[in-house]
Structures are given as C-alpha cells and as structure tokens.
Amino acid sequence: MLTIQDTYRSSYNEKGSKFIGLLFPALSKEAFNQQLAEIKSEHRDATHHCYGWRIGVPEPAEFAQDDGEPSGTAGLPILNQLKSNKSSNCGCVVIRYYGGTKLGKPGLIQAYSAVAEDCLRQASFKQLIPTQNFKIIYDYSQQKIINQLNNSFDLKELDAEYLEKVTLTIACRATKAEQLWEKLQQHAHLGIEAEELSTDFLVMT
C-alpha cells in the first residue's frame, strides 16, 4: 500500500468549466474533513466540491461524494483513481466552477477522473510498512545503547518525553520486531524498560 506526505494540485478546463484538484495526506476521517472545510472556505464560490478518500491499512475504509453532480460521475471516478493507484491515508478533492455548458455524464466522469489522475501522476509515493511499536524508558546514561539499537534496526521515533528518564515511543519494521525485543530484554539489567504497543503501517524512510 502506498501513501503521500505532501499536497499536490492540478487543474483542468472543459467547455468553460474549471476543475481544480487537491490530493493530500489524511490519517483519519476527521483530518480529511478538517482539510475539506478549509478547501470549501477558500473556494466558497465553487459550484461543487467532490471528493474521494481511502484511509487505513491493510483494508482501507473509503468514501466518495458527488456533492450535487449526477450520481457516480464525480466522487466515484476520483475514488477509483486512488484505488487503481493502491493509495491509502489520503484524499482527493476536486472543485468545479461551472462554466455554463453541461458536460453530460461521460464528460463529467472524464473530467473528474482526469484531474485526480493528474494529481496522482505528480505525487511522490511512499510505501506503508507493517510495524510493531514499542515504548522504551531509560536513563540518560544509556543513550548510547539506544542509539546503537536505532542504527541497527532503523527505528522511527514516534514520540519522546525527557523528564527524569527518557521515554521513547518507536516503530520497528515488523520483520525485525522479534530481534529488537530480544535485544531490549538483554539490556533490562541496565534499567532499560520496554513495552510492546500496537502494530501499525507507517512510512519508515
């Protein structure tokens, strides 16, 4: 499964109508809706704000919205482009400014699909990797060991808290998680505490 980490924009003109596409990352429905609200505010005079999104891995939830266009002519073509690209944790909004000439259902499907496809063509995609996440608590004096583990297992820091001790939340590729856990147990006598957390799918590079 693939995802993006930046926003991409495209535009398309057909018989006076202008279509503007925005492809952006969204880790949750709430995050997508927040971005959608900002887009609607910026383009409040647009005729339609149609979209599709896919969120979650390995089986993404998905949704399409025609926003007043004939059923199946806007949101679904956008969503189908995301699906054909095997994308998740992202959404695409296509804004339409009506130009006075009706495009018909085939014309609408072509226009919305073309804008979404162009956004995806521009995008730089990252692989979503299965991970096992851990919490590690340790004294500052053990930082060298943690750095060695980080280098050996190519860990990704998700969160960090620096108080009397350091508390790290990290992600490890699932294929290396068992080895990392064994290493952490070997260092337990040094006061390094470790806890297995949830599994996830993350960009690791």
N, C-alpha and C. Protein backbone atom coordinates (compact mmCIF):
# COMPACT_ATOMS: atom_id res chain seq x y z
N MET A 1 0.84 -1.19 0.00
CA MET A 1 0.00 0.00 0.00
C MET A 1 0.89 1.25 0.00
N LEU A 2 0.45 2.27 -0.74
CA LEU A 2 1.22 3.49 -0.89
C LEU A 2 0.50 4.67 -0.25
N THR A 3 1.29 5.70 0.11
CA THR A 3 0.69 6.92 0.63
C THR A 3 1.56 8.11 0.23
N ILE A 4 1.09 9.30 0.59
CA ILE A 4 1.80 10.54 0.28
C ILE A 4 2.03 11.31 1.56
N GLN A 5 2.97 12.28 1.49
CA GLN A 5 3.26 13.10 2.66
C GLN A 5 3.16 14.59 2.35
N ASP A 6 2.80 14.93 1.11
CA ASP A 6 2.66 16.32 0.69
C ASP A 6 1.34 16.50 -0.04
N THR A 7 1.04 17.76 -0.38
CA THR A 7 -0.18 18.09 -1.12
C THR A 7 0.17 18.37 -2.58
N TYR A 8 -0.68 17.89 -3.48
CA TYR A 8 -0.46 18.07 -4.92
C TYR A 8 -1.72 18.68 -5.54
N ARG A 9 -1.48 19.52 -6.53
CA ARG A 9 -2.58 20.30 -7.13
C ARG A 9 -2.58 20.13 -8.64
N SER A 10 -3.77 20.12 -9.22
CA SER A 10 -3.90 20.02 -10.67
C SER A 10 -5.14 20.81 -11.10
N SER A 11 -5.20 21.15 -12.38
CA SER A 11 -6.38 21.86 -12.90
C SER A 11 -6.71 21.34 -14.29
N TYR A 12 -7.97 21.54 -14.68
CA TYR A 12 -8.49 21.01 -15.94
C TYR A 12 -9.63 21.91 -16.38
N ASN A 13 -9.65 22.26 -17.64
CA ASN A 13 -10.72 23.11 -18.19
C ASN A 13 -11.46 22.37 -19.29
N GLU A 14 -12.78 22.45 -19.23
CA GLU A 14 -13.59 21.79 -20.26
C GLU A 14 -14.87 22.59 -20.47
N LYS A 15 -15.04 23.13 -21.70
CA LYS A 15 -16.26 23.87 -22.09
C LYS A 15 -16.63 24.95 -21.08
N GLY A 16 -15.63 25.68 -20.64
CA GLY A 16 -15.86 26.80 -19.73
C GLY A 16 -15.83 26.46 -18.26
N SER A 17 -15.98 25.17 -17.93
CA SER A 17 -15.90 24.75 -16.53
C SER A 17 -14.44 24.57 -16.13
N LYS A 18 -14.10 25.01 -14.93
CA LYS A 18 -12.75 24.84 -14.41
C LYS A 18 -12.79 23.85 -13.25
N PHE A 19 -11.92 22.86 -13.31
CA PHE A 19 -11.80 21.85 -12.26
C PHE A 19 -10.43 21.99 -11.61
N ILE A 20 -10.42 22.05 -10.29
CA ILE A 20 -9.17 22.15 -9.52
C ILE A 20 -9.09 20.96 -8.59
N GLY A 21 -8.01 20.19 -8.70
CA GLY A 21 -7.84 19.01 -7.86
C GLY A 21 -6.79 19.22 -6.80
N LEU A 22 -7.07 18.71 -5.61
CA LEU A 22 -6.12 18.75 -4.49
C LEU A 22 -6.01 17.36 -3.89
N LEU A 23 -4.82 16.78 -3.93
CA LEU A 23 -4.54 15.48 -3.33
C LEU A 23 -3.68 15.71 -2.10
N PHE A 24 -4.09 15.17 -0.95
CA PHE A 24 -3.36 15.46 0.29
C PHE A 24 -3.43 14.27 1.25
N PRO A 25 -2.46 14.18 2.18
CA PRO A 25 -2.49 13.09 3.17
C PRO A 25 -3.62 13.27 4.18
N ALA A 26 -4.18 12.16 4.64
CA ALA A 26 -5.23 12.19 5.67
C ALA A 26 -5.16 10.88 6.44
N LEU A 27 -4.78 10.95 7.71
CA LEU A 27 -4.63 9.75 8.53
C LEU A 27 -5.93 9.33 9.20
N SER A 28 -6.95 10.18 9.12
CA SER A 28 -8.24 9.86 9.71
C SER A 28 -9.33 10.62 8.96
N LYS A 29 -10.58 10.18 9.17
CA LYS A 29 -11.71 10.87 8.56
C LYS A 29 -11.80 12.30 9.08
N GLU A 30 -11.49 12.49 10.36
CA GLU A 30 -11.54 13.82 10.96
C GLU A 30 -10.51 14.75 10.32
N ALA A 31 -9.31 14.20 10.06
CA ALA A 31 -8.26 15.01 9.42
C ALA A 31 -8.69 15.40 8.00
N PHE A 32 -9.30 14.45 7.30
CA PHE A 32 -9.78 14.76 5.95
C PHE A 32 -10.84 15.85 5.99
N ASN A 33 -11.81 15.70 6.90
CA ASN A 33 -12.91 16.67 6.98
C ASN A 33 -12.41 18.07 7.33
N GLN A 34 -11.37 18.14 8.16
CA GLN A 34 -10.80 19.44 8.51
C GLN A 34 -10.18 20.10 7.27
N GLN A 35 -9.45 19.30 6.50
CA GLN A 35 -8.86 19.84 5.27
C GLN A 35 -9.94 20.22 4.26
N LEU A 36 -10.99 19.40 4.17
CA LEU A 36 -12.10 19.70 3.28
C LEU A 36 -12.76 21.02 3.64
N ALA A 37 -12.96 21.26 4.94
CA ALA A 37 -13.58 22.51 5.39
C ALA A 37 -12.73 23.72 4.99
N GLU A 38 -11.41 23.58 5.07
CA GLU A 38 -10.53 24.67 4.67
C GLU A 38 -10.62 24.93 3.16
N ILE A 39 -10.71 23.84 2.39
CA ILE A 39 -10.83 23.97 0.93
C ILE A 39 -12.15 24.64 0.56
N LYS A 40 -13.23 24.23 1.22
CA LYS A 40 -14.55 24.84 0.95
C LYS A 40 -14.55 26.32 1.31
N SER A 41 -13.85 26.66 2.39
CA SER A 41 -13.77 28.06 2.79
C SER A 41 -13.00 28.88 1.76
N GLU A 42 -11.94 28.31 1.24
CA GLU A 42 -11.11 29.01 0.25
C GLU A 42 -11.84 29.13 -1.09
N HIS A 43 -12.63 28.11 -1.42
CA HIS A 43 -13.34 28.08 -2.70
C HIS A 43 -14.86 28.08 -2.46
N ARG A 44 -15.31 29.01 -1.64
CA ARG A 44 -16.72 29.01 -1.23
C ARG A 44 -17.67 29.34 -2.39
N ASP A 45 -17.13 29.97 -3.45
CA ASP A 45 -17.99 30.32 -4.59
C ASP A 45 -18.00 29.23 -5.66
N ALA A 46 -17.32 28.09 -5.41
CA ALA A 46 -17.32 26.99 -6.38
C ALA A 46 -18.69 26.32 -6.44
N THR A 47 -18.99 25.71 -7.57
CA THR A 47 -20.28 25.05 -7.76
C THR A 47 -20.35 23.72 -7.03
N HIS A 48 -19.24 22.95 -7.05
CA HIS A 48 -19.21 21.63 -6.43
C HIS A 48 -17.84 21.41 -5.76
N HIS A 49 -17.88 20.65 -4.68
CA HIS A 49 -16.65 20.18 -4.01
C HIS A 49 -16.78 18.66 -3.90
N CYS A 50 -16.29 17.94 -4.89
CA CYS A 50 -16.45 16.49 -4.95
C CYS A 50 -15.17 15.82 -4.48
N TYR A 51 -15.29 14.61 -3.93
CA TYR A 51 -14.08 14.01 -3.38
C TYR A 51 -14.19 12.50 -3.20
N GLY A 52 -13.03 11.92 -2.97
CA GLY A 52 -12.93 10.53 -2.57
C GLY A 52 -11.77 10.39 -1.60
N TRP A 53 -11.90 9.48 -0.66
CA TRP A 53 -10.78 9.22 0.25
C TRP A 53 -10.68 7.74 0.57
N ARG A 54 -9.46 7.32 0.92
CA ARG A 54 -9.19 5.96 1.40
C ARG A 54 -8.30 6.11 2.64
N ILE A 55 -8.72 5.50 3.73
CA ILE A 55 -8.00 5.65 5.00
C ILE A 55 -7.91 4.30 5.68
N GLY A 56 -6.70 3.94 6.11
CA GLY A 56 -6.49 2.70 6.83
C GLY A 56 -5.73 1.68 6.01
N VAL A 57 -5.07 0.77 6.72
CA VAL A 57 -4.29 -0.31 6.12
C VAL A 57 -4.44 -1.53 7.04
N PRO A 58 -4.51 -2.75 6.52
CA PRO A 58 -4.34 -3.15 5.12
C PRO A 58 -5.63 -3.09 4.29
N GLU A 59 -6.81 -2.96 4.96
CA GLU A 59 -8.07 -2.88 4.24
C GLU A 59 -8.66 -1.49 4.44
N PRO A 60 -8.40 -0.56 3.52
CA PRO A 60 -8.82 0.82 3.73
C PRO A 60 -10.33 1.00 3.75
N ALA A 61 -10.79 1.87 4.64
CA ALA A 61 -12.16 2.39 4.53
C ALA A 61 -12.13 3.41 3.40
N GLU A 62 -13.25 3.58 2.72
CA GLU A 62 -13.26 4.52 1.60
C GLU A 62 -14.63 5.17 1.46
N PHE A 63 -14.62 6.35 0.81
CA PHE A 63 -15.86 7.11 0.68
C PHE A 63 -15.76 8.01 -0.55
N ALA A 64 -16.89 8.22 -1.22
CA ALA A 64 -16.95 9.10 -2.39
C ALA A 64 -18.15 10.03 -2.25
N GLN A 65 -17.99 11.28 -2.67
CA GLN A 65 -19.04 12.28 -2.55
C GLN A 65 -19.17 13.05 -3.88
N ASP A 66 -20.40 13.03 -4.45
CA ASP A 66 -20.66 13.72 -5.72
C ASP A 66 -21.03 15.19 -5.53
N ASP A 67 -21.46 15.57 -4.34
CA ASP A 67 -21.79 16.96 -4.00
C ASP A 67 -22.66 17.64 -5.05
N GLY A 68 -23.75 16.98 -5.43
CA GLY A 68 -24.72 17.60 -6.34
C GLY A 68 -24.55 17.24 -7.80
N GLU A 69 -23.41 16.66 -8.18
CA GLU A 69 -23.25 16.18 -9.54
C GLU A 69 -24.08 14.89 -9.69
N PRO A 70 -24.43 14.51 -10.92
CA PRO A 70 -25.18 13.27 -11.11
C PRO A 70 -24.47 12.08 -10.45
N SER A 71 -25.25 11.20 -9.87
CA SER A 71 -24.70 10.08 -9.09
C SER A 71 -23.66 9.29 -9.88
N GLY A 72 -22.50 9.09 -9.26
CA GLY A 72 -21.45 8.27 -9.84
C GLY A 72 -20.57 8.97 -10.85
N THR A 73 -20.76 10.29 -11.06
CA THR A 73 -19.99 10.99 -12.10
C THR A 73 -18.79 11.76 -11.55
N ALA A 74 -18.68 11.89 -10.24
CA ALA A 74 -17.62 12.74 -9.68
C ALA A 74 -16.82 12.03 -8.59
N GLY A 75 -17.48 11.76 -7.46
CA GLY A 75 -16.75 11.14 -6.35
C GLY A 75 -16.18 9.78 -6.68
N LEU A 76 -16.98 8.95 -7.37
CA LEU A 76 -16.54 7.60 -7.70
C LEU A 76 -15.34 7.59 -8.66
N PRO A 77 -15.34 8.40 -9.72
CA PRO A 77 -14.14 8.46 -10.57
C PRO A 77 -12.89 8.89 -9.80
N ILE A 78 -13.05 9.81 -8.85
CA ILE A 78 -11.90 10.23 -8.03
C ILE A 78 -11.43 9.06 -7.18
N LEU A 79 -12.38 8.41 -6.50
CA LEU A 79 -12.04 7.28 -5.64
C LEU A 79 -11.39 6.16 -6.44
N ASN A 80 -11.90 5.90 -7.63
CA ASN A 80 -11.34 4.82 -8.45
C ASN A 80 -9.89 5.08 -8.83
N GLN A 81 -9.54 6.35 -9.00
CA GLN A 81 -8.14 6.67 -9.28
C GLN A 81 -7.25 6.35 -8.06
N LEU A 82 -7.74 6.65 -6.88
CA LEU A 82 -6.99 6.31 -5.66
C LEU A 82 -6.83 4.80 -5.53
N LYS A 83 -7.91 4.08 -5.82
CA LYS A 83 -7.88 2.62 -5.71
C LYS A 83 -6.93 2.00 -6.74
N SER A 84 -6.98 2.48 -7.97
CA SER A 84 -6.14 1.90 -9.02
C SER A 84 -4.66 2.16 -8.74
N ASN A 85 -4.39 3.22 -7.97
CA ASN A 85 -3.02 3.55 -7.61
C ASN A 85 -2.58 2.86 -6.31
N LYS A 86 -3.50 2.09 -5.70
CA LYS A 86 -3.24 1.39 -4.44
C LYS A 86 -2.79 2.37 -3.35
N SER A 87 -3.50 3.49 -3.28
CA SER A 87 -3.18 4.55 -2.31
C SER A 87 -4.10 4.47 -1.10
N SER A 88 -3.56 4.85 0.05
CA SER A 88 -4.38 4.96 1.26
C SER A 88 -3.85 6.10 2.12
N ASN A 89 -4.61 6.40 3.18
CA ASN A 89 -4.29 7.52 4.08
C ASN A 89 -4.14 8.82 3.30
N CYS A 90 -5.04 9.00 2.35
CA CYS A 90 -5.03 10.23 1.56
C CYS A 90 -6.42 10.45 0.98
N GLY A 91 -6.65 11.67 0.53
CA GLY A 91 -7.91 12.02 -0.09
C GLY A 91 -7.68 13.00 -1.23
N CYS A 92 -8.64 13.06 -2.14
CA CYS A 92 -8.55 13.98 -3.27
C CYS A 92 -9.87 14.73 -3.39
N VAL A 93 -9.79 16.05 -3.38
CA VAL A 93 -10.96 16.92 -3.57
C VAL A 93 -10.83 17.59 -4.93
N VAL A 94 -11.91 17.54 -5.70
CA VAL A 94 -11.92 18.25 -6.98
C VAL A 94 -13.03 19.30 -6.93
N ILE A 95 -12.63 20.54 -7.10
CA ILE A 95 -13.54 21.68 -7.05
C ILE A 95 -13.95 22.03 -8.48
N ARG A 96 -15.23 22.27 -8.69
CA ARG A 96 -15.69 22.66 -10.02
C ARG A 96 -16.34 24.04 -9.99
N TYR A 97 -15.89 24.88 -10.92
CA TYR A 97 -16.55 26.15 -11.20
C TYR A 97 -17.30 25.97 -12.52
N TYR A 98 -18.61 25.96 -12.45
CA TYR A 98 -19.44 25.67 -13.63
C TYR A 98 -19.30 26.79 -14.67
N GLY A 99 -19.11 26.38 -15.93
CA GLY A 99 -18.88 27.35 -16.99
C GLY A 99 -20.06 27.63 -17.89
N GLY A 100 -21.22 27.05 -17.57
CA GLY A 100 -22.42 27.36 -18.34
C GLY A 100 -22.82 26.32 -19.35
N THR A 101 -21.94 25.35 -19.63
CA THR A 101 -22.26 24.30 -20.59
C THR A 101 -22.24 22.94 -19.90
N LYS A 102 -23.34 22.20 -20.01
CA LYS A 102 -23.39 20.89 -19.40
C LYS A 102 -22.45 19.93 -20.13
N LEU A 103 -21.76 19.08 -19.37
CA LEU A 103 -20.79 18.15 -19.95
C LEU A 103 -21.38 16.77 -20.18
N GLY A 104 -22.54 16.49 -19.59
CA GLY A 104 -23.10 15.15 -19.68
C GLY A 104 -22.34 14.20 -18.78
N LYS A 105 -22.93 13.06 -18.50
CA LYS A 105 -22.30 12.11 -17.57
C LYS A 105 -20.92 11.65 -18.04
N PRO A 106 -20.75 11.24 -19.30
CA PRO A 106 -19.41 10.82 -19.73
C PRO A 106 -18.37 11.94 -19.60
N GLY A 107 -18.79 13.17 -19.92
CA GLY A 107 -17.87 14.30 -19.82
C GLY A 107 -17.46 14.59 -18.39
N LEU A 108 -18.42 14.46 -17.46
CA LEU A 108 -18.12 14.67 -16.04
C LEU A 108 -17.17 13.60 -15.52
N ILE A 109 -17.46 12.35 -15.85
CA ILE A 109 -16.60 11.25 -15.41
C ILE A 109 -15.18 11.46 -15.91
N GLN A 110 -15.05 11.85 -17.18
CA GLN A 110 -13.74 12.10 -17.77
C GLN A 110 -13.02 13.23 -17.05
N ALA A 111 -13.72 14.31 -16.78
CA ALA A 111 -13.10 15.48 -16.16
C ALA A 111 -12.63 15.20 -14.74
N TYR A 112 -13.50 14.64 -13.92
CA TYR A 112 -13.12 14.37 -12.53
C TYR A 112 -12.02 13.32 -12.45
N SER A 113 -12.11 12.32 -13.30
CA SER A 113 -11.08 11.28 -13.32
C SER A 113 -9.73 11.85 -13.76
N ALA A 114 -9.76 12.72 -14.78
CA ALA A 114 -8.52 13.28 -15.31
C ALA A 114 -7.80 14.14 -14.28
N VAL A 115 -8.55 14.94 -13.53
CA VAL A 115 -7.92 15.81 -12.53
C VAL A 115 -7.28 14.98 -11.42
N ALA A 116 -8.02 13.98 -10.93
CA ALA A 116 -7.47 13.12 -9.88
C ALA A 116 -6.24 12.36 -10.39
N GLU A 117 -6.32 11.87 -11.61
CA GLU A 117 -5.20 11.12 -12.19
C GLU A 117 -3.97 12.00 -12.31
N ASP A 118 -4.15 13.27 -12.70
CA ASP A 118 -3.02 14.17 -12.84
C ASP A 118 -2.39 14.47 -11.50
N CYS A 119 -3.19 14.63 -10.45
CA CYS A 119 -2.64 14.82 -9.10
C CYS A 119 -1.79 13.62 -8.71
N LEU A 120 -2.29 12.43 -8.96
CA LEU A 120 -1.57 11.21 -8.60
C LEU A 120 -0.29 11.06 -9.43
N ARG A 121 -0.34 11.51 -10.67
CA ARG A 121 0.84 11.41 -11.53
C ARG A 121 1.97 12.29 -11.00
N GLN A 122 1.62 13.41 -10.42
CA GLN A 122 2.63 14.32 -9.87
C GLN A 122 3.21 13.84 -8.54
N ALA A 123 2.44 13.03 -7.83
CA ALA A 123 2.75 12.72 -6.42
C ALA A 123 3.98 11.83 -6.26
N SER A 124 4.65 12.06 -5.15
CA SER A 124 5.75 11.19 -4.72
C SER A 124 5.20 10.25 -3.66
N PHE A 125 5.24 8.95 -3.94
CA PHE A 125 4.60 7.98 -3.05
C PHE A 125 5.62 7.26 -2.17
N LYS A 126 5.18 6.92 -0.97
CA LYS A 126 5.98 6.16 -0.02
C LYS A 126 5.25 4.87 0.32
N GLN A 127 6.03 3.83 0.55
CA GLN A 127 5.46 2.53 0.92
C GLN A 127 5.05 2.54 2.39
N LEU A 128 3.87 2.03 2.68
CA LEU A 128 3.44 1.85 4.07
C LEU A 128 3.92 0.48 4.53
N ILE A 129 4.77 0.48 5.57
CA ILE A 129 5.44 -0.72 6.04
C ILE A 129 4.76 -1.23 7.32
N PRO A 130 4.50 -2.54 7.46
CA PRO A 130 3.98 -3.06 8.73
C PRO A 130 5.00 -2.88 9.84
N THR A 131 4.56 -2.36 10.98
CA THR A 131 5.46 -2.11 12.10
C THR A 131 4.91 -2.67 13.41
N GLN A 132 5.83 -2.89 14.33
CA GLN A 132 5.49 -3.15 15.74
C GLN A 132 6.02 -1.95 16.51
N ASN A 133 5.17 -1.34 17.31
CA ASN A 133 5.57 -0.16 18.06
C ASN A 133 5.92 -0.54 19.50
N PHE A 134 6.88 0.20 20.06
CA PHE A 134 7.37 -0.07 21.42
C PHE A 134 7.47 1.23 22.20
N LYS A 135 7.35 1.09 23.52
CA LYS A 135 7.70 2.17 24.43
C LYS A 135 8.96 1.75 25.17
N ILE A 136 9.96 2.64 25.21
CA ILE A 136 11.22 2.35 25.89
C ILE A 136 11.49 3.47 26.90
N ILE A 137 11.77 3.07 28.14
CA ILE A 137 12.09 4.03 29.20
C ILE A 137 13.49 3.72 29.70
N TYR A 138 14.35 4.75 29.77
CA TYR A 138 15.74 4.50 30.14
C TYR A 138 16.39 5.76 30.73
N ASP A 139 17.48 5.55 31.46
CA ASP A 139 18.27 6.65 32.00
C ASP A 139 19.07 7.32 30.88
N TYR A 140 19.36 8.58 31.06
CA TYR A 140 20.13 9.31 30.06
C TYR A 140 21.49 8.65 29.82
N SER A 141 22.02 7.99 30.82
CA SER A 141 23.33 7.35 30.68
C SER A 141 23.32 6.18 29.69
N GLN A 142 22.12 5.70 29.33
CA GLN A 142 22.00 4.57 28.41
C GLN A 142 21.71 5.01 26.97
N GLN A 143 21.86 6.31 26.72
CA GLN A 143 21.52 6.81 25.39
C GLN A 143 22.36 6.17 24.28
N LYS A 144 23.61 5.85 24.58
CA LYS A 144 24.48 5.24 23.57
C LYS A 144 23.92 3.90 23.10
N ILE A 145 23.41 3.11 24.05
CA ILE A 145 22.83 1.81 23.69
C ILE A 145 21.60 2.00 22.81
N ILE A 146 20.76 2.97 23.17
CA ILE A 146 19.56 3.25 22.38
C ILE A 146 19.94 3.70 20.97
N ASN A 147 20.98 4.52 20.88
CA ASN A 147 21.44 4.96 19.56
C ASN A 147 21.91 3.78 18.72
N GLN A 148 22.60 2.83 19.35
CA GLN A 148 23.07 1.64 18.63
C GLN A 148 21.90 0.80 18.13
N LEU A 149 20.88 0.66 18.97
CA LEU A 149 19.68 -0.08 18.56
C LEU A 149 18.98 0.64 17.39
N ASN A 150 18.93 1.95 17.50
CA ASN A 150 18.30 2.73 16.44
C ASN A 150 19.01 2.51 15.11
N ASN A 151 20.34 2.52 15.14
CA ASN A 151 21.12 2.32 13.92
C ASN A 151 20.99 0.90 13.38
N SER A 152 20.97 -0.07 14.29
CA SER A 152 20.91 -1.47 13.88
C SER A 152 19.56 -1.85 13.29
N PHE A 153 18.48 -1.27 13.84
CA PHE A 153 17.14 -1.68 13.45
C PHE A 153 16.37 -0.63 12.65
N ASP A 154 17.04 0.50 12.37
CA ASP A 154 16.42 1.56 11.56
C ASP A 154 15.06 1.95 12.15
N LEU A 155 15.07 2.33 13.41
CA LEU A 155 13.83 2.64 14.13
C LEU A 155 13.32 4.03 13.75
N LYS A 156 12.02 4.22 13.95
CA LYS A 156 11.41 5.52 13.71
C LYS A 156 10.83 6.05 15.01
N GLU A 157 11.26 7.23 15.41
CA GLU A 157 10.76 7.84 16.65
C GLU A 157 9.37 8.42 16.40
N LEU A 158 8.41 8.00 17.23
CA LEU A 158 7.04 8.49 17.13
C LEU A 158 6.74 9.55 18.17
N ASP A 159 7.38 9.42 19.33
CA ASP A 159 7.15 10.38 20.41
C ASP A 159 8.32 10.29 21.38
N ALA A 160 8.61 11.39 22.07
CA ALA A 160 9.71 11.41 23.03
C ALA A 160 9.36 12.33 24.19
N GLU A 161 9.71 11.90 25.40
CA GLU A 161 9.48 12.70 26.61
C GLU A 161 10.75 12.64 27.44
N TYR A 162 11.28 13.82 27.79
CA TYR A 162 12.55 13.91 28.51
C TYR A 162 12.29 14.51 29.89
N LEU A 163 12.14 13.62 30.87
CA LEU A 163 11.94 14.06 32.25
C LEU A 163 13.09 13.50 33.10
N GLU A 164 12.80 12.86 34.22
CA GLU A 164 13.87 12.23 35.00
C GLU A 164 14.51 11.11 34.18
N LYS A 165 13.69 10.45 33.40
CA LYS A 165 14.17 9.46 32.45
C LYS A 165 13.64 9.82 31.06
N VAL A 166 14.18 9.15 30.06
CA VAL A 166 13.71 9.34 28.69
C VAL A 166 12.65 8.29 28.39
N THR A 167 11.54 8.71 27.83
CA THR A 167 10.50 7.79 27.38
C THR A 167 10.34 7.96 25.88
N LEU A 168 10.66 6.93 25.14
CA LEU A 168 10.55 6.95 23.69
C LEU A 168 9.43 6.02 23.23
N THR A 169 8.67 6.47 22.27
CA THR A 169 7.76 5.58 21.54
C THR A 169 8.34 5.44 20.14
N ILE A 170 8.64 4.22 19.76
CA ILE A 170 9.32 3.99 18.49
C ILE A 170 8.58 2.92 17.66
N ALA A 171 8.83 2.96 16.36
CA ALA A 171 8.29 1.96 15.45
C ALA A 171 9.45 1.15 14.87
N CYS A 172 9.25 -0.16 14.81
CA CYS A 172 10.23 -1.07 14.23
C CYS A 172 9.54 -1.88 13.13
N ARG A 173 10.24 -2.09 12.04
CA ARG A 173 9.67 -2.94 11.00
C ARG A 173 9.25 -4.27 11.60
N ALA A 174 8.08 -4.75 11.25
CA ALA A 174 7.54 -5.98 11.84
C ALA A 174 8.49 -7.16 11.66
N THR A 175 9.21 -7.18 10.55
CA THR A 175 10.12 -8.29 10.28
C THR A 175 11.31 -8.33 11.23
N LYS A 176 11.59 -7.20 11.89
CA LYS A 176 12.73 -7.12 12.81
C LYS A 176 12.30 -6.99 14.26
N ALA A 177 10.99 -6.97 14.51
CA ALA A 177 10.48 -6.68 15.84
C ALA A 177 10.90 -7.71 16.89
N GLU A 178 10.88 -8.98 16.53
CA GLU A 178 11.25 -10.02 17.48
C GLU A 178 12.71 -9.89 17.90
N GLN A 179 13.59 -9.60 16.94
CA GLN A 179 15.01 -9.41 17.25
C GLN A 179 15.22 -8.20 18.16
N LEU A 180 14.50 -7.12 17.89
CA LEU A 180 14.62 -5.92 18.72
C LEU A 180 14.15 -6.22 20.14
N TRP A 181 13.05 -6.94 20.28
CA TRP A 181 12.53 -7.27 21.60
C TRP A 181 13.55 -8.08 22.40
N GLU A 182 14.20 -9.03 21.74
CA GLU A 182 15.23 -9.84 22.40
C GLU A 182 16.38 -8.96 22.88
N LYS A 183 16.79 -8.00 22.04
CA LYS A 183 17.88 -7.09 22.42
C LYS A 183 17.48 -6.23 23.61
N LEU A 184 16.26 -5.76 23.61
CA LEU A 184 15.78 -4.93 24.72
C LEU A 184 15.76 -5.73 26.02
N GLN A 185 15.35 -6.99 25.95
CA GLN A 185 15.34 -7.84 27.14
C GLN A 185 16.75 -8.08 27.66
N GLN A 186 17.70 -8.18 26.75
CA GLN A 186 19.10 -8.38 27.15
C GLN A 186 19.66 -7.18 27.91
N HIS A 187 19.07 -6.01 27.65
CA HIS A 187 19.54 -4.79 28.31
C HIS A 187 18.69 -4.42 29.53
N ALA A 188 17.77 -5.27 29.90
CA ALA A 188 16.86 -4.95 31.02
C ALA A 188 17.63 -4.76 32.33
N HIS A 189 18.74 -5.49 32.49
CA HIS A 189 19.51 -5.38 33.74
C HIS A 189 20.16 -4.00 33.89
N LEU A 190 20.19 -3.22 32.80
CA LEU A 190 20.74 -1.86 32.86
C LEU A 190 19.65 -0.83 33.18
N GLY A 191 18.45 -1.31 33.45
CA GLY A 191 17.36 -0.41 33.79
C GLY A 191 16.59 0.10 32.59
N ILE A 192 16.82 -0.53 31.45
CA ILE A 192 16.07 -0.16 30.25
C ILE A 192 14.76 -0.94 30.24
N GLU A 193 13.66 -0.22 30.35
CA GLU A 193 12.33 -0.85 30.36
C GLU A 193 11.72 -0.79 28.97
N ALA A 194 11.07 -1.86 28.56
CA ALA A 194 10.46 -1.90 27.23
C ALA A 194 9.05 -2.49 27.31
N GLU A 195 8.18 -1.96 26.48
CA GLU A 195 6.79 -2.43 26.43
C GLU A 195 6.36 -2.50 24.97
N GLU A 196 5.77 -3.62 24.59
CA GLU A 196 5.21 -3.74 23.24
C GLU A 196 3.89 -2.99 23.18
N LEU A 197 3.72 -2.20 22.14
CA LEU A 197 2.48 -1.46 21.93
C LEU A 197 1.73 -2.07 20.74
N SER A 198 1.03 -1.26 20.01
CA SER A 198 0.21 -1.75 18.90
C SER A 198 1.05 -1.98 17.65
N THR A 199 0.46 -2.70 16.71
CA THR A 199 1.04 -2.80 15.38
C THR A 199 0.46 -1.67 14.52
N ASP A 200 1.14 -1.38 13.43
CA ASP A 200 0.71 -0.25 12.58
C ASP A 200 1.26 -0.44 11.18
N PHE A 201 0.94 0.51 10.30
CA PHE A 201 1.54 0.59 8.97
C PHE A 201 2.02 2.02 8.81
N LEU A 202 3.34 2.19 8.66
CA LEU A 202 3.92 3.53 8.64
C LEU A 202 4.93 3.69 7.52
N VAL A 203 5.18 4.94 7.15
CA VAL A 203 6.30 5.25 6.26
C VAL A 203 7.56 5.23 7.12
N MET A 204 8.53 4.41 6.72
CA MET A 204 9.72 4.22 7.55
C MET A 204 10.97 4.89 6.99
N THR A 205 10.85 5.56 5.87
CA THR A 205 12.03 6.21 5.30
C THR A 205 11.81 7.71 5.22
